[in-house]
Amino acid sequence: MTETFFHELFKCYFIAFGVLIGGSLIGGLAAFAVNQPLLTSVEKISESLRIWAIIAAIGGTFDTLYSFEKGFLNGETKELFKQFLFILSAMGGTYTAKAIISWLTGEHIAP
C-alpha cells in the first residue's frame, strides 16, 4: 500500500517531534543518573539533537539528495518541491518540540 503525500508529510512532522522529545527526555534521565542537572541537560540535549531529528524524519540524507538531484538535473520540479516540504515539515516538528521543551524546562527565562 502506497502512502499519500499528506501521510508522509504528517509522518515527517511527528517523527521529528518524537525523536526530539523522546531523545531529550531519555538523555535528561541519563544525565540525572550521573548527578547532572536534569532540566538544563534536557535543554542542551534538545538543542544538539535538532538536526538529527530532521534527518531521521526525512529518512536519511541520501534519498533526499537523490530527489534533489533528480529535480535539478531531470527537471522534475514536483519531486524537488515535495522534498522541500518534507524538510520543512520535519523542521516544524523539531521547532514545536523545542518550544515545548523550553516551556517545560523554563530555560528561556533569564535569571
N, C-alpha and C. Protein backbone atom coordinates (compact mmCIF):
# COMPACT_ATOMS: atom_id res chain seq x y z
N MET A 1 0.84 -1.18 0.00
CA MET A 1 0.00 0.00 0.00
C MET A 1 0.89 1.25 0.00
N THR A 2 0.69 2.08 -0.96
CA THR A 2 1.48 3.31 -1.01
C THR A 2 0.80 4.39 -0.19
N GLU A 3 1.63 5.19 0.43
CA GLU A 3 1.10 6.27 1.26
C GLU A 3 1.02 7.55 0.44
N THR A 4 0.06 8.36 0.76
CA THR A 4 -0.11 9.60 0.03
C THR A 4 0.90 10.62 0.52
N PHE A 5 0.97 11.71 -0.18
CA PHE A 5 1.90 12.77 0.15
C PHE A 5 1.61 13.34 1.54
N PHE A 6 0.34 13.54 1.86
CA PHE A 6 -0.01 14.13 3.15
C PHE A 6 0.29 13.19 4.32
N HIS A 7 0.15 11.89 4.10
CA HIS A 7 0.55 10.94 5.14
C HIS A 7 2.03 11.06 5.43
N GLU A 8 2.83 11.14 4.39
CA GLU A 8 4.27 11.28 4.55
C GLU A 8 4.63 12.61 5.21
N LEU A 9 3.89 13.65 4.88
CA LEU A 9 4.15 14.96 5.46
C LEU A 9 3.88 14.94 6.97
N PHE A 10 2.78 14.34 7.39
CA PHE A 10 2.48 14.23 8.81
C PHE A 10 3.46 13.30 9.51
N LYS A 11 3.87 12.24 8.84
CA LYS A 11 4.85 11.34 9.44
C LYS A 11 6.17 12.06 9.70
N CYS A 12 6.61 12.87 8.76
CA CYS A 12 7.85 13.63 8.93
C CYS A 12 7.75 14.56 10.14
N TYR A 13 6.62 15.23 10.25
CA TYR A 13 6.42 16.16 11.37
C TYR A 13 6.50 15.43 12.70
N PHE A 14 5.74 14.36 12.84
CA PHE A 14 5.64 13.69 14.13
C PHE A 14 6.85 12.82 14.45
N ILE A 15 7.54 12.32 13.46
CA ILE A 15 8.78 11.60 13.73
C ILE A 15 9.82 12.55 14.28
N ALA A 16 9.97 13.71 13.66
CA ALA A 16 10.93 14.70 14.16
C ALA A 16 10.53 15.15 15.57
N PHE A 17 9.25 15.37 15.78
CA PHE A 17 8.74 15.77 17.09
C PHE A 17 9.07 14.70 18.14
N GLY A 18 8.79 13.46 17.82
CA GLY A 18 9.02 12.37 18.76
C GLY A 18 10.48 12.11 19.04
N VAL A 19 11.32 12.21 18.02
CA VAL A 19 12.75 12.00 18.23
C VAL A 19 13.30 13.06 19.17
N LEU A 20 12.91 14.29 18.99
CA LEU A 20 13.43 15.37 19.83
C LEU A 20 12.91 15.27 21.25
N ILE A 21 11.61 15.06 21.42
CA ILE A 21 11.04 14.95 22.77
C ILE A 21 11.60 13.71 23.47
N GLY A 22 11.53 12.57 22.83
CA GLY A 22 11.98 11.33 23.45
C GLY A 22 13.46 11.31 23.73
N GLY A 23 14.25 11.73 22.77
CA GLY A 23 15.70 11.75 22.97
C GLY A 23 16.13 12.70 24.07
N SER A 24 15.48 13.84 24.14
CA SER A 24 15.83 14.81 25.18
C SER A 24 15.45 14.31 26.57
N LEU A 25 14.27 13.72 26.68
CA LEU A 25 13.84 13.23 27.99
C LEU A 25 14.67 12.04 28.47
N ILE A 26 14.95 11.11 27.58
CA ILE A 26 15.77 9.96 27.96
C ILE A 26 17.21 10.41 28.25
N GLY A 27 17.73 11.33 27.46
CA GLY A 27 19.06 11.87 27.73
C GLY A 27 19.10 12.63 29.04
N GLY A 28 18.02 13.33 29.37
CA GLY A 28 17.94 14.02 30.65
C GLY A 28 17.94 13.06 31.81
N LEU A 29 17.24 11.93 31.66
CA LEU A 29 17.26 10.91 32.71
C LEU A 29 18.65 10.33 32.90
N ALA A 30 19.36 10.14 31.80
CA ALA A 30 20.73 9.65 31.89
C ALA A 30 21.62 10.67 32.59
N ALA A 31 21.44 11.95 32.28
CA ALA A 31 22.22 13.00 32.95
C ALA A 31 21.89 13.05 34.43
N PHE A 32 20.63 12.87 34.78
CA PHE A 32 20.22 12.84 36.18
C PHE A 32 20.83 11.66 36.91
N ALA A 33 20.96 10.53 36.22
CA ALA A 33 21.54 9.33 36.83
C ALA A 33 23.01 9.52 37.17
N VAL A 34 23.70 10.40 36.44
CA VAL A 34 25.12 10.66 36.73
C VAL A 34 25.30 11.99 37.46
N ASN A 35 24.23 12.44 38.13
CA ASN A 35 24.26 13.59 39.02
C ASN A 35 24.52 14.92 38.29
N GLN A 36 23.90 15.09 37.13
CA GLN A 36 23.92 16.34 36.40
C GLN A 36 22.55 16.99 36.52
N PRO A 37 22.46 18.31 36.34
CA PRO A 37 21.15 18.96 36.44
C PRO A 37 20.21 18.49 35.33
N LEU A 38 19.03 18.04 35.72
CA LEU A 38 18.09 17.41 34.80
C LEU A 38 17.58 18.36 33.73
N LEU A 39 16.98 19.49 34.15
CA LEU A 39 16.33 20.37 33.19
C LEU A 39 17.33 21.06 32.26
N THR A 40 18.47 21.44 32.80
CA THR A 40 19.49 22.05 31.95
C THR A 40 20.01 21.05 30.93
N SER A 41 20.18 19.81 31.34
CA SER A 41 20.64 18.77 30.42
C SER A 41 19.62 18.50 29.33
N VAL A 42 18.34 18.47 29.70
CA VAL A 42 17.29 18.26 28.70
C VAL A 42 17.33 19.37 27.66
N GLU A 43 17.48 20.61 28.10
CA GLU A 43 17.54 21.75 27.17
C GLU A 43 18.75 21.66 26.25
N LYS A 44 19.92 21.34 26.80
CA LYS A 44 21.13 21.23 25.98
C LYS A 44 21.05 20.08 24.99
N ILE A 45 20.53 18.96 25.45
CA ILE A 45 20.41 17.81 24.55
C ILE A 45 19.43 18.11 23.42
N SER A 46 18.34 18.78 23.73
CA SER A 46 17.36 19.09 22.68
C SER A 46 17.96 20.03 21.64
N GLU A 47 18.84 20.91 22.07
CA GLU A 47 19.48 21.82 21.11
C GLU A 47 20.41 21.07 20.16
N SER A 48 21.15 20.10 20.69
CA SER A 48 22.09 19.38 19.85
C SER A 48 21.44 18.25 19.05
N LEU A 49 20.23 17.88 19.40
CA LEU A 49 19.54 16.76 18.74
C LEU A 49 18.66 17.22 17.58
N ARG A 50 18.50 18.51 17.40
CA ARG A 50 17.54 19.01 16.40
C ARG A 50 17.85 18.55 14.99
N ILE A 51 19.10 18.67 14.55
CA ILE A 51 19.43 18.29 13.17
C ILE A 51 19.26 16.79 12.96
N TRP A 52 19.54 15.98 13.99
CA TRP A 52 19.39 14.54 13.87
C TRP A 52 17.93 14.14 13.81
N ALA A 53 17.08 14.89 14.47
CA ALA A 53 15.64 14.62 14.39
C ALA A 53 15.13 14.89 12.98
N ILE A 54 15.63 15.95 12.36
CA ILE A 54 15.22 16.26 10.99
C ILE A 54 15.70 15.17 10.04
N ILE A 55 16.95 14.74 10.20
CA ILE A 55 17.49 13.69 9.32
C ILE A 55 16.74 12.39 9.51
N ALA A 56 16.42 12.05 10.74
CA ALA A 56 15.66 10.81 11.00
C ALA A 56 14.27 10.90 10.39
N ALA A 57 13.66 12.07 10.43
CA ALA A 57 12.30 12.22 9.92
C ALA A 57 12.22 12.10 8.41
N ILE A 58 13.22 12.60 7.70
CA ILE A 58 13.16 12.54 6.24
C ILE A 58 13.74 11.24 5.71
N GLY A 59 14.17 10.36 6.59
CA GLY A 59 14.61 9.04 6.16
C GLY A 59 16.06 8.98 5.73
N GLY A 60 16.89 9.83 6.24
CA GLY A 60 18.30 9.85 5.87
C GLY A 60 18.56 10.89 4.81
N THR A 61 19.80 11.17 4.58
CA THR A 61 20.14 12.25 3.66
C THR A 61 20.25 11.81 2.21
N PHE A 62 20.56 10.54 1.95
CA PHE A 62 20.83 10.12 0.58
C PHE A 62 19.57 10.12 -0.29
N ASP A 63 18.44 9.71 0.25
CA ASP A 63 17.20 9.75 -0.53
C ASP A 63 16.82 11.17 -0.88
N THR A 64 17.00 12.06 0.08
CA THR A 64 16.67 13.46 -0.17
C THR A 64 17.62 14.06 -1.19
N LEU A 65 18.90 13.77 -1.07
CA LEU A 65 19.87 14.29 -2.05
C LEU A 65 19.60 13.72 -3.44
N TYR A 66 19.22 12.46 -3.52
CA TYR A 66 18.88 11.86 -4.81
C TYR A 66 17.66 12.54 -5.42
N SER A 67 16.67 12.84 -4.59
CA SER A 67 15.48 13.53 -5.09
C SER A 67 15.80 14.95 -5.54
N PHE A 68 16.68 15.63 -4.80
CA PHE A 68 17.10 16.96 -5.24
C PHE A 68 17.85 16.89 -6.57
N GLU A 69 18.71 15.88 -6.69
CA GLU A 69 19.45 15.72 -7.94
C GLU A 69 18.49 15.46 -9.10
N LYS A 70 17.51 14.59 -8.86
CA LYS A 70 16.53 14.29 -9.90
C LYS A 70 15.73 15.53 -10.25
N GLY A 71 15.42 16.33 -9.25
CA GLY A 71 14.65 17.55 -9.50
C GLY A 71 15.43 18.58 -10.30
N PHE A 72 16.71 18.74 -9.97
CA PHE A 72 17.52 19.73 -10.67
C PHE A 72 17.95 19.27 -12.05
N LEU A 73 18.49 18.07 -12.14
CA LEU A 73 19.07 17.63 -13.40
C LEU A 73 18.04 17.13 -14.40
N ASN A 74 16.98 16.52 -13.93
CA ASN A 74 15.97 16.00 -14.85
C ASN A 74 14.78 16.93 -15.01
N GLY A 75 14.81 18.03 -14.32
CA GLY A 75 13.72 19.00 -14.46
C GLY A 75 12.42 18.58 -13.80
N GLU A 76 12.49 17.69 -12.83
CA GLU A 76 11.29 17.24 -12.13
C GLU A 76 11.09 18.12 -10.90
N THR A 77 10.48 19.25 -11.11
CA THR A 77 10.31 20.20 -10.02
C THR A 77 9.30 19.73 -8.97
N LYS A 78 8.42 18.83 -9.36
CA LYS A 78 7.45 18.29 -8.41
C LYS A 78 8.16 17.54 -7.28
N GLU A 79 9.14 16.71 -7.61
CA GLU A 79 9.92 15.98 -6.61
C GLU A 79 10.73 16.94 -5.74
N LEU A 80 11.27 17.95 -6.35
CA LEU A 80 12.05 18.95 -5.61
C LEU A 80 11.17 19.67 -4.60
N PHE A 81 9.99 20.05 -5.01
CA PHE A 81 9.06 20.75 -4.13
C PHE A 81 8.57 19.83 -3.01
N LYS A 82 8.32 18.56 -3.31
CA LYS A 82 7.88 17.61 -2.30
C LYS A 82 8.95 17.42 -1.23
N GLN A 83 10.20 17.27 -1.64
CA GLN A 83 11.29 17.10 -0.67
C GLN A 83 11.47 18.34 0.18
N PHE A 84 11.32 19.49 -0.43
CA PHE A 84 11.40 20.73 0.33
C PHE A 84 10.30 20.79 1.39
N LEU A 85 9.10 20.37 1.06
CA LEU A 85 8.00 20.35 2.03
C LEU A 85 8.22 19.31 3.12
N PHE A 86 8.83 18.18 2.78
CA PHE A 86 9.16 17.19 3.81
C PHE A 86 10.15 17.76 4.82
N ILE A 87 11.18 18.42 4.32
CA ILE A 87 12.17 19.02 5.20
C ILE A 87 11.53 20.12 6.04
N LEU A 88 10.69 20.92 5.43
CA LEU A 88 10.00 21.99 6.15
C LEU A 88 9.08 21.41 7.24
N SER A 89 8.42 20.32 6.94
CA SER A 89 7.56 19.67 7.92
C SER A 89 8.37 19.12 9.09
N ALA A 90 9.50 18.50 8.80
CA ALA A 90 10.37 17.98 9.86
C ALA A 90 10.93 19.12 10.70
N MET A 91 11.26 20.23 10.08
CA MET A 91 11.74 21.38 10.83
C MET A 91 10.63 21.94 11.73
N GLY A 92 9.40 21.91 11.25
CA GLY A 92 8.27 22.33 12.07
C GLY A 92 8.09 21.44 13.29
N GLY A 93 8.27 20.13 13.10
CA GLY A 93 8.18 19.20 14.22
C GLY A 93 9.25 19.45 15.27
N THR A 94 10.47 19.71 14.81
CA THR A 94 11.54 19.99 15.77
C THR A 94 11.33 21.33 16.46
N TYR A 95 10.82 22.30 15.73
CA TYR A 95 10.57 23.61 16.34
C TYR A 95 9.49 23.51 17.42
N THR A 96 8.44 22.76 17.13
CA THR A 96 7.36 22.58 18.11
C THR A 96 7.88 21.85 19.35
N ALA A 97 8.64 20.79 19.15
CA ALA A 97 9.18 20.04 20.28
C ALA A 97 10.14 20.90 21.09
N LYS A 98 10.97 21.69 20.42
CA LYS A 98 11.91 22.56 21.13
C LYS A 98 11.17 23.62 21.92
N ALA A 99 10.10 24.15 21.38
CA ALA A 99 9.30 25.14 22.11
C ALA A 99 8.66 24.52 23.35
N ILE A 100 8.17 23.30 23.23
CA ILE A 100 7.57 22.62 24.39
C ILE A 100 8.63 22.34 25.45
N ILE A 101 9.80 21.88 25.03
CA ILE A 101 10.87 21.61 25.98
C ILE A 101 11.32 22.89 26.67
N SER A 102 11.47 23.95 25.91
CA SER A 102 11.86 25.24 26.52
C SER A 102 10.80 25.72 27.49
N TRP A 103 9.55 25.51 27.16
CA TRP A 103 8.46 25.91 28.02
C TRP A 103 8.44 25.09 29.31
N LEU A 104 8.65 23.77 29.18
CA LEU A 104 8.62 22.91 30.36
C LEU A 104 9.84 23.09 31.26
N THR A 105 11.00 23.31 30.67
CA THR A 105 12.21 23.44 31.49
C THR A 105 12.39 24.85 32.03
N GLY A 106 11.82 25.85 31.37
CA GLY A 106 11.98 27.22 31.83
C GLY A 106 13.36 27.78 31.58
N GLU A 107 14.13 27.15 30.68
CA GLU A 107 15.49 27.60 30.41
C GLU A 107 15.54 28.90 29.62
N HIS A 108 14.46 29.30 29.02
CA HIS A 108 14.44 30.53 28.24
C HIS A 108 14.24 31.76 29.13
N ILE A 109 13.93 31.55 30.38
CA ILE A 109 13.70 32.65 31.30
C ILE A 109 15.03 33.08 31.90
N ALA A 110 15.37 34.36 31.76
CA ALA A 110 16.64 34.88 32.28
C ALA A 110 16.57 35.02 33.80
N PRO A 111 17.66 34.69 34.50
CA PRO A 111 17.65 34.79 35.97
C PRO A 111 17.70 36.23 36.44
